[in-house]
Amino acid sequence: MSDNVYAPPQSNLTDTAGTQLLDASRWSRLGASLIDTLSIMIIALPVMYFTGGFDGITSGIRPSFGYNLAMAVLTICVFLAINGKSLATQGQTLGKKILDIKIVDLEGNLPKVKQHLVVRYAAYMIPGQIPVVGPFINIINILFIFGSQKRCAHDYIAGTKVVVCNS
C-alpha cells in the first residue's frame, strides 16, 4: 500500500481463462451409471434370491407392492452406504470416481448435500417407482442428456452438471 493518499487503488488480477470446466462425456456418464448399478446389484440380487423375489417369475407372478417397496428402500440404503460420504465430500459416486468425473453446481462448486443427495437423486430415483409410467419418466429423464449441455432432467431440476475432474 502506498503512502500517497491520491494514488489510484491497486488490485491483484488473476487469469481465470484456463479454469473452465469440461463437461463429462455422455459415454463416461453412462459408464459411471453402469458401475453404480452393478455395485448395488452385487448386494440386491442375492437378497432378492434368498427372500423369494424371483419366485413366480416364470409363471408371470409379480412380487407384491410391499416387497417391491422394501427392495427399493434396501437399494437406496445400499447406494447411500457405498456412495453417501463420497457424494457429500467430493461429488462422486463409485462409478464417477473410477471414471474421473464429478457432480458440481452450475458455478463449478461442490453442490450442497441437500441439493444433490436429496433433490438430484430423488428426481432420478422416485419417478421410476411410479407404476406403469415410471419407466417412461426415467427414459425421458435420461434422453435429456442428448441436449447441447449434456445434462439429464435430474441435473436441470437440481441445478447440477457432471464435469471432468481434472478440467
Foldseek 3Di string as FASTA:
>chain_A
DDPDPPDDDDDDDDDCPPVDFAFDDLVLVVQLVVVLVVQLCVPLVVVCVVVVQCPCVVVPDHDDPVVVVVSLVSSLVSQCVQAVVCCQPPQDGPSCVVSQKGKAAPVRHRDHCCLCVPQLVCQQRVLLSDPPCSVVSNVQQCVVCPDPQSHGPSCVRSRMGMTHNVD
